[in-house]
PDB file of all heavy atoms in Angstrom:
ATOM      1  N   MET A   1      -0.759   2.960   5.691  1.00  0.00           N
ATOM      2  CA  MET A   1      -1.022   3.756   4.499  1.00  0.00           C
ATOM      3  C   MET A   1      -2.346   4.497   4.677  1.00  0.00           C
ATOM      4  O   MET A   1      -3.109   4.230   5.599  1.00  0.00           O
ATOM      5  CB  MET A   1      -1.092   2.850   3.257  1.00  0.00           C
ATOM      6  CG  MET A   1       0.203   2.102   2.955  1.00  0.00           C
ATOM      7  SD  MET A   1       0.052   0.915   1.582  1.00  0.00           S
ATOM      8  CE  MET A   1      -0.315   2.014   0.202  1.00  0.00           C
ATOM      9  N   ALA A   2      -2.595   5.435   3.761  1.00  0.00           N
ATOM     10  CA  ALA A   2      -3.904   6.075   3.637  1.00  0.00           C
ATOM     11  C   ALA A   2      -4.283   5.943   2.165  1.00  0.00           C
ATOM     12  O   ALA A   2      -4.246   6.908   1.402  1.00  0.00           O
ATOM     13  CB  ALA A   2      -3.867   7.524   4.085  1.00  0.00           C
ATOM     14  N   SER A   3      -4.623   4.734   1.776  1.00  0.00           N
ATOM     15  CA  SER A   3      -4.799   4.395   0.363  1.00  0.00           C
ATOM     16  C   SER A   3      -5.975   5.139  -0.257  1.00  0.00           C
ATOM     17  O   SER A   3      -6.945   5.505   0.410  1.00  0.00           O
ATOM     18  CB  SER A   3      -5.004   2.886   0.209  1.00  0.00           C
ATOM     19  OG  SER A   3      -3.874   2.180   0.674  1.00  0.00           O
ATOM     20  N   GLY A   4      -5.866   5.344  -1.584  1.00  0.00           N
ATOM     21  CA  GLY A   4      -6.907   6.026  -2.334  1.00  0.00           C
ATOM     22  C   GLY A   4      -7.439   5.148  -3.452  1.00  0.00           C
ATOM     23  O   GLY A   4      -7.192   3.944  -3.499  1.00  0.00           O
ATOM     24  N   PRO A   5      -8.138   5.751  -4.427  1.00  0.00           N
ATOM     25  CA  PRO A   5      -8.795   4.972  -5.470  1.00  0.00           C
ATOM     26  C   PRO A   5      -7.895   4.569  -6.640  1.00  0.00           C
ATOM     27  O   PRO A   5      -8.318   3.776  -7.475  1.00  0.00           O
ATOM     28  CB  PRO A   5      -9.921   5.907  -5.951  1.00  0.00           C
ATOM     29  CG  PRO A   5      -9.413   7.279  -5.658  1.00  0.00           C
ATOM     30  CD  PRO A   5      -8.576   7.165  -4.423  1.00  0.00           C
ATOM     31  N   GLN A   6      -6.673   5.108  -6.702  1.00  0.00           N
ATOM     32  CA  GLN A   6      -5.784   4.825  -7.823  1.00  0.00           C
ATOM     33  C   GLN A   6      -4.790   3.716  -7.456  1.00  0.00           C
ATOM     34  O   GLN A   6      -3.914   3.910  -6.616  1.00  0.00           O
ATOM     35  CB  GLN A   6      -5.022   6.082  -8.242  1.00  0.00           C
ATOM     36  CG  GLN A   6      -5.921   7.227  -8.677  1.00  0.00           C
ATOM     37  CD  GLN A   6      -6.776   6.858  -9.878  1.00  0.00           C
ATOM     38  OE1 GLN A   6      -6.311   6.178 -10.815  1.00  0.00           O
ATOM     39  NE2 GLN A   6      -8.035   7.289  -9.868  1.00  0.00           N
ATOM     40  N   VAL A   7      -4.936   2.563  -8.094  1.00  0.00           N
ATOM     41  CA  VAL A   7      -4.103   1.411  -7.755  1.00  0.00           C
ATOM     42  C   VAL A   7      -2.623   1.718  -7.931  1.00  0.00           C
ATOM     43  O   VAL A   7      -1.803   1.431  -7.035  1.00  0.00           O
ATOM     44  CB  VAL A   7      -4.505   0.179  -8.594  1.00  0.00           C
ATOM     45  CG1 VAL A   7      -3.515  -0.966  -8.375  1.00  0.00           C
ATOM     46  CG2 VAL A   7      -5.920  -0.265  -8.243  1.00  0.00           C
ATOM     47  N   ASN A   8      -2.244   2.294  -9.060  1.00  0.00           N
ATOM     48  CA  ASN A   8      -0.817   2.539  -9.323  1.00  0.00           C
ATOM     49  C   ASN A   8      -0.185   3.444  -8.270  1.00  0.00           C
ATOM     50  O   ASN A   8       0.954   3.201  -7.830  1.00  0.00           O
ATOM     51  CB  ASN A   8      -0.633   3.153 -10.712  1.00  0.00           C
ATOM     52  CG  ASN A   8      -0.875   2.151 -11.819  1.00  0.00           C
ATOM     53  OD1 ASN A   8      -0.834   0.943 -11.601  1.00  0.00           O
ATOM     54  ND2 ASN A   8      -1.143   2.628 -13.025  1.00  0.00           N
ATOM     55  N   ALA A   9      -0.899   4.481  -7.857  1.00  0.00           N
ATOM     56  CA  ALA A   9      -0.376   5.384  -6.823  1.00  0.00           C
ATOM     57  C   ALA A   9      -0.196   4.650  -5.502  1.00  0.00           C
ATOM     58  O   ALA A   9       0.802   4.843  -4.791  1.00  0.00           O
ATOM     59  CB  ALA A   9      -1.308   6.580  -6.653  1.00  0.00           C
ATOM     60  N   ASN A  10      -1.146   3.798  -5.170  1.00  0.00           N
ATOM     61  CA  ASN A  10      -1.042   3.034  -3.924  1.00  0.00           C
ATOM     62  C   ASN A  10       0.130   2.056  -3.959  1.00  0.00           C
ATOM     63  O   ASN A  10       0.822   1.871  -2.951  1.00  0.00           O
ATOM     64  CB  ASN A  10      -2.346   2.268  -3.673  1.00  0.00           C
ATOM     65  CG  ASN A  10      -3.523   3.185  -3.425  1.00  0.00           C
ATOM     66  OD1 ASN A  10      -3.377   4.267  -2.848  1.00  0.00           O
ATOM     67  ND2 ASN A  10      -4.693   2.767  -3.868  1.00  0.00           N
ATOM     68  N   LEU A  11       0.358   1.438  -5.106  1.00  0.00           N
ATOM     69  CA  LEU A  11       1.470   0.492  -5.210  1.00  0.00           C
ATOM     70  C   LEU A  11       2.813   1.212  -5.095  1.00  0.00           C
ATOM     71  O   LEU A  11       3.750   0.686  -4.496  1.00  0.00           O
ATOM     72  CB  LEU A  11       1.394  -0.278  -6.530  1.00  0.00           C
ATOM     73  CG  LEU A  11       0.153  -1.162  -6.733  1.00  0.00           C
ATOM     74  CD1 LEU A  11       0.302  -2.014  -7.990  1.00  0.00           C
ATOM     75  CD2 LEU A  11      -0.133  -2.033  -5.522  1.00  0.00           C
ATOM     76  N   LEU A  12       2.904   2.411  -5.651  1.00  0.00           N
ATOM     77  CA  LEU A  12       4.134   3.193  -5.508  1.00  0.00           C
ATOM     78  C   LEU A  12       4.408   3.512  -4.039  1.00  0.00           C
ATOM     79  O   LEU A  12       5.546   3.401  -3.567  1.00  0.00           O
ATOM     80  CB  LEU A  12       4.032   4.486  -6.321  1.00  0.00           C
ATOM     81  CG  LEU A  12       4.158   4.347  -7.835  1.00  0.00           C
ATOM     82  CD1 LEU A  12       3.834   5.677  -8.518  1.00  0.00           C
ATOM     83  CD2 LEU A  12       5.564   3.892  -8.220  1.00  0.00           C
ATOM     84  N   GLU A  13       3.369   3.902  -3.318  1.00  0.00           N
ATOM     85  CA  GLU A  13       3.530   4.209  -1.892  1.00  0.00           C
ATOM     86  C   GLU A  13       3.881   2.948  -1.110  1.00  0.00           C
ATOM     87  O   GLU A  13       4.743   2.972  -0.223  1.00  0.00           O
ATOM     88  CB  GLU A  13       2.254   4.835  -1.344  1.00  0.00           C
ATOM     89  CG  GLU A  13       2.263   5.099   0.159  1.00  0.00           C
ATOM     90  CD  GLU A  13       3.338   6.086   0.589  1.00  0.00           C
ATOM     91  OE1 GLU A  13       3.748   6.934  -0.241  1.00  0.00           O
ATOM     92  OE2 GLU A  13       3.772   5.999   1.748  1.00  0.00           O
ATOM     93  N   ALA A  14       3.232   1.850  -1.440  1.00  0.00           N
ATOM     94  CA  ALA A  14       3.519   0.595  -0.739  1.00  0.00           C
ATOM     95  C   ALA A  14       4.968   0.178  -0.949  1.00  0.00           C
ATOM     96  O   ALA A  14       5.644  -0.249   0.007  1.00  0.00           O
ATOM     97  CB  ALA A  14       2.574  -0.502  -1.228  1.00  0.00           C
ATOM     98  N   GLU A  15       5.471   0.301  -2.164  1.00  0.00           N
ATOM     99  CA  GLU A  15       6.858  -0.093  -2.416  1.00  0.00           C
ATOM    100  C   GLU A  15       7.828   0.808  -1.656  1.00  0.00           C
ATOM    101  O   GLU A  15       8.844   0.328  -1.138  1.00  0.00           O
ATOM    102  CB  GLU A  15       7.185  -0.072  -3.909  1.00  0.00           C
ATOM    103  CG  GLU A  15       8.633  -0.484  -4.152  1.00  0.00           C
ATOM    104  CD  GLU A  15       8.958  -0.799  -5.606  1.00  0.00           C
ATOM    105  OE1 GLU A  15       8.069  -0.634  -6.466  1.00  0.00           O
ATOM    106  OE2 GLU A  15      10.116  -1.204  -5.867  1.00  0.00           O
ATOM    107  N   LYS A  16       7.522   2.095  -1.605  1.00  0.00           N
ATOM    108  CA  LYS A  16       8.390   3.001  -0.848  1.00  0.00           C
ATOM    109  C   LYS A  16       8.489   2.565   0.607  1.00  0.00           C
ATOM    110  O   LYS A  16       9.591   2.515   1.179  1.00  0.00           O
ATOM    111  CB  LYS A  16       7.858   4.435  -0.925  1.00  0.00           C
ATOM    112  CG  LYS A  16       8.664   5.439  -0.094  1.00  0.00           C
ATOM    113  CD  LYS A  16       8.040   6.814  -0.124  1.00  0.00           C
ATOM    114  CE  LYS A  16       8.854   7.798   0.695  1.00  0.00           C
ATOM    115  NZ  LYS A  16       8.959   7.415   2.125  1.00  0.00           N
ATOM    116  N   GLN A  17       7.359   2.228   1.200  1.00  0.00           N
ATOM    117  CA  GLN A  17       7.359   1.825   2.599  1.00  0.00           C
ATOM    118  C   GLN A  17       8.054   0.472   2.792  1.00  0.00           C
ATOM    119  O   GLN A  17       8.765   0.261   3.774  1.00  0.00           O
ATOM    120  CB  GLN A  17       5.933   1.771   3.138  1.00  0.00           C
ATOM    121  CG  GLN A  17       5.192   3.092   3.117  1.00  0.00           C
ATOM    122  CD  GLN A  17       5.841   4.147   3.994  1.00  0.00           C
ATOM    123  OE1 GLN A  17       6.596   3.834   4.909  1.00  0.00           O
ATOM    124  NE2 GLN A  17       5.560   5.402   3.694  1.00  0.00           N
ATOM    125  N   ILE A  18       7.840  -0.445   1.860  1.00  0.00           N
ATOM    126  CA  ILE A  18       8.515  -1.749   1.935  1.00  0.00           C
ATOM    127  C   ILE A  18      10.024  -1.569   1.843  1.00  0.00           C
ATOM    128  O   ILE A  18      10.788  -2.181   2.598  1.00  0.00           O
ATOM    129  CB  ILE A  18       8.001  -2.688   0.824  1.00  0.00           C
ATOM    130  CG1 ILE A  18       6.550  -3.077   1.090  1.00  0.00           C
ATOM    131  CG2 ILE A  18       8.881  -3.939   0.721  1.00  0.00           C
ATOM    132  CD1 ILE A  18       5.881  -3.804  -0.053  1.00  0.00           C
ATOM    133  N   ALA A  19      10.467  -0.721   0.915  1.00  0.00           N
ATOM    134  CA  ALA A  19      11.902  -0.468   0.757  1.00  0.00           C
ATOM    135  C   ALA A  19      12.496   0.116   2.033  1.00  0.00           C
ATOM    136  O   ALA A  19      13.586  -0.285   2.474  1.00  0.00           O
ATOM    137  CB  ALA A  19      12.138   0.473  -0.426  1.00  0.00           C
ATOM    138  N   ASP A  20      11.790   1.062   2.643  1.00  0.00           N
ATOM    139  CA  ASP A  20      12.283   1.684   3.877  1.00  0.00           C
ATOM    140  C   ASP A  20      12.335   0.673   5.019  1.00  0.00           C
ATOM    141  O   ASP A  20      13.286   0.661   5.812  1.00  0.00           O
ATOM    142  CB  ASP A  20      11.389   2.863   4.266  1.00  0.00           C
ATOM    143  CG  ASP A  20      11.559   4.069   3.351  1.00  0.00           C
ATOM    144  OD1 ASP A  20      12.538   4.085   2.574  1.00  0.00           O
ATOM    145  OD2 ASP A  20      10.712   4.978   3.400  1.00  0.00           O
ATOM    146  N   ALA A  21      11.311  -0.171   5.099  1.00  0.00           N
ATOM    147  CA  ALA A  21      11.295  -1.180   6.160  1.00  0.00           C
ATOM    148  C   ALA A  21      12.417  -2.190   5.975  1.00  0.00           C
ATOM    149  O   ALA A  21      13.077  -2.592   6.945  1.00  0.00           O
ATOM    150  CB  ALA A  21       9.935  -1.886   6.183  1.00  0.00           C
ATOM    151  N   ALA A  22      12.640  -2.607   4.730  1.00  0.00           N
ATOM    152  CA  ALA A  22      13.729  -3.551   4.446  1.00  0.00           C
ATOM    153  C   ALA A  22      15.079  -2.924   4.775  1.00  0.00           C
ATOM    154  O   ALA A  22      15.972  -3.585   5.319  1.00  0.00           O
ATOM    155  CB  ALA A  22      13.670  -3.985   2.987  1.00  0.00           C
ATOM    156  N   LYS A  23      15.238  -1.654   4.445  1.00  0.00           N
ATOM    157  CA  LYS A  23      16.483  -0.947   4.749  1.00  0.00           C
ATOM    158  C   LYS A  23      16.721  -0.885   6.253  1.00  0.00           C
ATOM    159  O   LYS A  23      17.870  -0.903   6.719  1.00  0.00           O
ATOM    160  CB  LYS A  23      16.430   0.473   4.166  1.00  0.00           C
ATOM    161  CG  LYS A  23      17.737   1.240   4.286  1.00  0.00           C
ATOM    162  CD  LYS A  23      17.634   2.595   3.606  1.00  0.00           C
ATOM    163  CE  LYS A  23      18.948   3.369   3.720  1.00  0.00           C
ATOM    164  NZ  LYS A  23      18.846   4.699   3.052  1.00  0.00           N
ATOM    165  N   ALA A  24      15.639  -0.845   7.016  1.00  0.00           N
ATOM    166  CA  ALA A  24      15.742  -0.822   8.482  1.00  0.00           C
ATOM    167  C   ALA A  24      15.964  -2.203   9.076  1.00  0.00           C
ATOM    168  O   ALA A  24      16.047  -2.345  10.302  1.00  0.00           O
ATOM    169  CB  ALA A  24      14.479  -0.191   9.071  1.00  0.00           C
ATOM    170  N   GLY A  25      16.029  -3.211   8.213  1.00  0.00           N
ATOM    171  CA  GLY A  25      16.365  -4.553   8.680  1.00  0.00           C
ATOM    172  C   GLY A  25      15.222  -5.535   8.752  1.00  0.00           C
ATOM    173  O   GLY A  25      15.414  -6.683   9.175  1.00  0.00           O
ATOM    174  N   ALA A  26      14.018  -5.126   8.337  1.00  0.00           N
ATOM    175  CA  ALA A  26      12.865  -6.019   8.423  1.00  0.00           C
ATOM    176  C   ALA A  26      13.006  -7.183   7.447  1.00  0.00           C
ATOM    177  O   ALA A  26      13.415  -7.014   6.305  1.00  0.00           O
ATOM    178  CB  ALA A  26      11.584  -5.253   8.128  1.00  0.00           C
ATOM    179  N   LYS A  27      12.636  -8.374   7.909  1.00  0.00           N
ATOM    180  CA  LYS A  27      12.621  -9.571   7.066  1.00  0.00           C
ATOM    181  C   LYS A  27      11.199 -10.031   6.769  1.00  0.00           C
ATOM    182  O   LYS A  27      10.977 -10.839   5.868  1.00  0.00           O
ATOM    183  CB  LYS A  27      13.396 -10.701   7.756  1.00  0.00           C
ATOM    184  CG  LYS A  27      14.869 -10.391   7.968  1.00  0.00           C
ATOM    185  CD  LYS A  27      15.561 -10.105   6.640  1.00  0.00           C
ATOM    186  CE  LYS A  27      17.044  -9.804   6.831  1.00  0.00           C
ATOM    187  NZ  LYS A  27      17.707  -9.447   5.547  1.00  0.00           N
ATOM    188  N   LEU A  28      10.240  -9.531   7.532  1.00  0.00           N
ATOM    189  CA  LEU A  28       8.818  -9.758   7.285  1.00  0.00           C
ATOM    190  C   LEU A  28       8.151  -8.397   7.265  1.00  0.00           C
ATOM    191  O   LEU A  28       8.318  -7.599   8.196  1.00  0.00           O
ATOM    192  CB  LEU A  28       8.196 -10.623   8.382  1.00  0.00           C
ATOM    193  CG  LEU A  28       6.668 -10.737   8.368  1.00  0.00           C
ATOM    194  CD1 LEU A  28       6.200 -11.522   7.150  1.00  0.00           C
ATOM    195  CD2 LEU A  28       6.155 -11.391   9.654  1.00  0.00           C
ATOM    196  N   VAL A  29       7.400  -8.114   6.199  1.00  0.00           N
ATOM    197  CA  VAL A  29       6.722  -6.830   6.049  1.00  0.00           C
ATOM    198  C   VAL A  29       5.253  -7.097   5.758  1.00  0.00           C
ATOM    199  O   VAL A  29       4.929  -7.846   4.830  1.00  0.00           O
ATOM    200  CB  VAL A  29       7.340  -5.994   4.912  1.00  0.00           C
ATOM    201  CG1 VAL A  29       6.600  -4.680   4.765  1.00  0.00           C
ATOM    202  CG2 VAL A  29       8.819  -5.744   5.163  1.00  0.00           C
ATOM    203  N   ALA A  30       4.367  -6.490   6.543  1.00  0.00           N
ATOM    204  CA  ALA A  30       2.931  -6.693   6.364  1.00  0.00           C
ATOM    205  C   ALA A  30       2.263  -5.388   5.949  1.00  0.00           C
ATOM    206  O   ALA A  30       2.503  -4.338   6.552  1.00  0.00           O
ATOM    207  CB  ALA A  30       2.299  -7.212   7.654  1.00  0.00           C
ATOM    208  N   LEU A  31       1.422  -5.469   4.912  1.00  0.00           N
ATOM    209  CA  LEU A  31       0.686  -4.329   4.395  1.00  0.00           C
ATOM    210  C   LEU A  31      -0.720  -4.298   4.994  1.00  0.00           C
ATOM    211  O   LEU A  31      -1.246  -5.336   5.422  1.00  0.00           O
ATOM    212  CB  LEU A  31       0.588  -4.415   2.873  1.00  0.00           C
ATOM    213  CG  LEU A  31       1.897  -4.219   2.105  1.00  0.00           C
ATOM    214  CD1 LEU A  31       1.788  -4.785   0.699  1.00  0.00           C
ATOM    215  CD2 LEU A  31       2.253  -2.732   2.051  1.00  0.00           C
ATOM    216  N   PRO A  32      -1.383  -3.133   4.995  1.00  0.00           N
ATOM    217  CA  PRO A  32      -2.726  -3.050   5.568  1.00  0.00           C
ATOM    218  C   PRO A  32      -3.804  -3.584   4.624  1.00  0.00           C
ATOM    219  O   PRO A  32      -3.568  -3.778   3.419  1.00  0.00           O
ATOM    220  CB  PRO A  32      -2.914  -1.551   5.799  1.00  0.00           C
ATOM    221  CG  PRO A  32      -2.055  -0.907   4.763  1.00  0.00           C
ATOM    222  CD  PRO A  32      -0.861  -1.812   4.607  1.00  0.00           C
ATOM    223  N   GLU A  33      -4.972  -3.800   5.176  1.00  0.00           N
ATOM    224  CA  GLU A  33      -6.145  -4.153   4.375  1.00  0.00           C
ATOM    225  C   GLU A  33      -6.386  -3.070   3.325  1.00  0.00           C
ATOM    226  O   GLU A  33      -6.182  -1.880   3.573  1.00  0.00           O
ATOM    227  CB  GLU A  33      -7.364  -4.274   5.288  1.00  0.00           C
ATOM    228  CG  GLU A  33      -8.635  -4.717   4.591  1.00  0.00           C
ATOM    229  CD  GLU A  33      -9.831  -4.809   5.526  1.00  0.00           C
ATOM    230  OE1 GLU A  33      -9.836  -4.112   6.563  1.00  0.00           O
ATOM    231  OE2 GLU A  33     -10.740  -5.591   5.223  1.00  0.00           O
ATOM    232  N   ASN A  34      -6.827  -3.489   2.136  1.00  0.00           N
ATOM    233  CA  ASN A  34      -7.172  -2.552   1.052  1.00  0.00           C
ATOM    234  C   ASN A  34      -6.000  -1.655   0.648  1.00  0.00           C
ATOM    235  O   ASN A  34      -6.211  -0.533   0.182  1.00  0.00           O
ATOM    236  CB  ASN A  34      -8.368  -1.672   1.449  1.00  0.00           C
ATOM    237  CG  ASN A  34      -9.612  -2.466   1.764  1.00  0.00           C
ATOM    238  OD1 ASN A  34      -9.864  -3.506   1.168  1.00  0.00           O
ATOM    239  ND2 ASN A  34     -10.393  -1.998   2.711  1.00  0.00           N
ATOM    240  N   PHE A  35      -4.776  -2.160   0.810  1.00  0.00           N
ATOM    241  CA  PHE A  35      -3.625  -1.306   0.509  1.00  0.00           C
ATOM    242  C   PHE A  35      -3.600  -0.860  -0.941  1.00  0.00           C
ATOM    243  O   PHE A  35      -3.144   0.234  -1.269  1.00  0.00           O
ATOM    244  CB  PHE A  35      -2.310  -2.032   0.861  1.00  0.00           C
ATOM    245  CG  PHE A  35      -1.846  -3.015  -0.174  1.00  0.00           C
ATOM    246  CD1 PHE A  35      -0.957  -2.635  -1.162  1.00  0.00           C
ATOM    247  CD2 PHE A  35      -2.326  -4.327  -0.172  1.00  0.00           C
ATOM    248  CE1 PHE A  35      -0.537  -3.553  -2.127  1.00  0.00           C
ATOM    249  CE2 PHE A  35      -1.911  -5.237  -1.121  1.00  0.00           C
ATOM    250  CZ  PHE A  35      -1.018  -4.848  -2.111  1.00  0.00           C
ATOM    251  N   ALA A  36      -4.104  -1.697  -1.858  1.00  0.00           N
ATOM    252  CA  ALA A  36      -4.011  -1.391  -3.291  1.00  0.00           C
ATOM    253  C   ALA A  36      -5.133  -0.500  -3.784  1.00  0.00           C
ATOM    254  O   ALA A  36      -4.974   0.174  -4.814  1.00  0.00           O
ATOM    255  CB  ALA A  36      -3.995  -2.691  -4.103  1.00  0.00           C
ATOM    256  N   ILE A  37      -6.268  -0.491  -3.092  1.00  0.00           N
ATOM    257  CA  ILE A  37      -7.377   0.371  -3.506  1.00  0.00           C
ATOM    258  C   ILE A  37      -8.354   0.584  -2.357  1.00  0.00           C
ATOM    259  O   ILE A  37      -8.778  -0.366  -1.698  1.00  0.00           O
ATOM    260  CB  ILE A  37      -8.125  -0.199  -4.738  1.00  0.00           C
ATOM    261  CG1 ILE A  37      -9.261   0.739  -5.164  1.00  0.00           C
ATOM    262  CG2 ILE A  37      -8.634  -1.613  -4.483  1.00  0.00           C
ATOM    263  CD1 ILE A  37      -9.895   0.389  -6.504  1.00  0.00           C
ATOM    264  N   MET A  38      -8.662   1.859  -2.111  1.00  0.00           N
ATOM    265  CA  MET A  38      -9.825   2.242  -1.312  1.00  0.00           C
ATOM    266  C   MET A  38     -10.627   3.177  -2.201  1.00  0.00           C
ATOM    267  O   MET A  38     -10.311   4.363  -2.334  1.00  0.00           O
ATOM    268  CB  MET A  38      -9.421   2.892   0.011  1.00  0.00           C
ATOM    269  CG  MET A  38      -8.884   1.888   1.010  1.00  0.00           C
ATOM    270  SD  MET A  38      -8.692   2.514   2.695  1.00  0.00           S
ATOM    271  CE  MET A  38     -10.403   2.742   3.196  1.00  0.00           C
ATOM    272  N   GLY A  39     -11.635   2.608  -2.858  1.00  0.00           N
ATOM    273  CA  GLY A  39     -12.351   3.317  -3.907  1.00  0.00           C
ATOM    274  C   GLY A  39     -13.291   4.386  -3.391  1.00  0.00           C
ATOM    275  O   GLY A  39     -13.508   4.555  -2.186  1.00  0.00           O
ATOM    276  N   MET A  40     -13.893   5.095  -4.320  1.00  0.00           N
ATOM    277  CA  MET A  40     -14.866   6.117  -3.978  1.00  0.00           C
ATOM    278  C   MET A  40     -16.173   5.491  -3.508  1.00  0.00           C
ATOM    279  O   MET A  40     -16.959   6.121  -2.815  1.00  0.00           O
ATOM    280  CB  MET A  40     -15.117   7.033  -5.178  1.00  0.00           C
ATOM    281  CG  MET A  40     -13.871   7.768  -5.653  1.00  0.00           C
ATOM    282  SD  MET A  40     -13.064   8.734  -4.350  1.00  0.00           S
ATOM    283  CE  MET A  40     -14.310  10.000  -4.062  1.00  0.00           C
ATOM    284  N   ASN A  41     -16.400   4.244  -3.910  1.00  0.00           N
ATOM    285  CA  ASN A  41     -17.539   3.493  -3.401  1.00  0.00           C
ATOM    286  C   ASN A  41     -17.119   2.040  -3.250  1.00  0.00           C
ATOM    287  O   ASN A  41     -16.031   1.643  -3.668  1.00  0.00           O
ATOM    288  CB  ASN A  41     -18.768   3.642  -4.311  1.00  0.00           C
ATOM    289  CG  ASN A  41     -18.503   3.077  -5.700  1.00  0.00           C
ATOM    290  OD1 ASN A  41     -18.340   1.860  -5.887  1.00  0.00           O
ATOM    291  ND2 ASN A  41     -18.452   3.957  -6.696  1.00  0.00           N
ATOM    292  N   GLU A  42     -17.984   1.232  -2.669  1.00  0.00           N
ATOM    293  CA  GLU A  42     -17.635  -0.151  -2.349  1.00  0.00           C
ATOM    294  C   GLU A  42     -17.463  -1.035  -3.580  1.00  0.00           C
ATOM    295  O   GLU A  42     -16.898  -2.125  -3.491  1.00  0.00           O
ATOM    296  CB  GLU A  42     -18.699  -0.750  -1.415  1.00  0.00           C
ATOM    297  CG  GLU A  42     -18.634  -0.221   0.011  1.00  0.00           C
ATOM    298  CD  GLU A  42     -17.277  -0.465   0.658  1.00  0.00           C
ATOM    299  OE1 GLU A  42     -16.785  -1.606   0.640  1.00  0.00           O
ATOM    300  OE2 GLU A  42     -16.691   0.511   1.168  1.00  0.00           O
ATOM    301  N   TYR A  43     -17.937  -0.571  -4.726  1.00  0.00           N
ATOM    302  CA  TYR A  43     -17.894  -1.418  -5.918  1.00  0.00           C
ATOM    303  C   TYR A  43     -16.722  -1.096  -6.841  1.00  0.00           C
ATOM    304  O   TYR A  43     -16.491  -1.807  -7.817  1.00  0.00           O
ATOM    305  CB  TYR A  43     -19.223  -1.327  -6.675  1.00  0.00           C
ATOM    306  CG  TYR A  43     -20.363  -1.923  -5.880  1.00  0.00           C
ATOM    307  CD1 TYR A  43     -21.185  -1.113  -5.099  1.00  0.00           C
ATOM    308  CD2 TYR A  43     -20.585  -3.301  -5.863  1.00  0.00           C
ATOM    309  CE1 TYR A  43     -22.209  -1.654  -4.336  1.00  0.00           C
ATOM    310  CE2 TYR A  43     -21.611  -3.855  -5.099  1.00  0.00           C
ATOM    311  CZ  TYR A  43     -22.420  -3.029  -4.345  1.00  0.00           C
ATOM    312  OH  TYR A  43     -23.412  -3.573  -3.587  1.00  0.00           O
ATOM    313  N   ASP A  44     -15.964  -0.031  -6.541  1.00  0.00           N
ATOM    314  CA  ASP A  44     -14.789   0.284  -7.362  1.00  0.00           C
ATOM    315  C   ASP A  44     -13.797  -0.872  -7.375  1.00  0.00           C
ATOM    316  O   ASP A  44     -13.156  -1.141  -8.392  1.00  0.00           O
ATOM    317  CB  ASP A  44     -14.102   1.548  -6.844  1.00  0.00           C
ATOM    318  CG  ASP A  44     -14.834   2.822  -7.256  1.00  0.00           C
ATOM    319  OD1 ASP A  44     -15.805   2.725  -8.034  1.00  0.00           O
ATOM    320  OD2 ASP A  44     -14.433   3.905  -6.781  1.00  0.00           O
ATOM    321  N   LYS A  45     -13.677  -1.558  -6.252  1.00  0.00           N
ATOM    322  CA  LYS A  45     -12.712  -2.654  -6.176  1.00  0.00           C
ATOM    323  C   LYS A  45     -13.107  -3.823  -7.067  1.00  0.00           C
ATOM    324  O   LYS A  45     -12.246  -4.592  -7.512  1.00  0.00           O
ATOM    325  CB  LYS A  45     -12.527  -3.121  -4.730  1.00  0.00           C
ATOM    326  CG  LYS A  45     -13.782  -3.604  -4.031  1.00  0.00           C
ATOM    327  CD  LYS A  45     -13.463  -4.001  -2.585  1.00  0.00           C
ATOM    328  CE  LYS A  45     -14.718  -4.369  -1.798  1.00  0.00           C
ATOM    329  NZ  LYS A  45     -15.469  -3.150  -1.406  1.00  0.00           N
TER     330      LYS A  45
END
């Protein structure tokens, strides 16, 4: 992913990728660090 500061937008993108991976047959799916938020500064999280 290329996560941003908006949690809801990141979760929508994460679900899309999880759905695509599952459709391709994956049984284990791993998300990247900070997938839900990469804030404008270190304290946004």
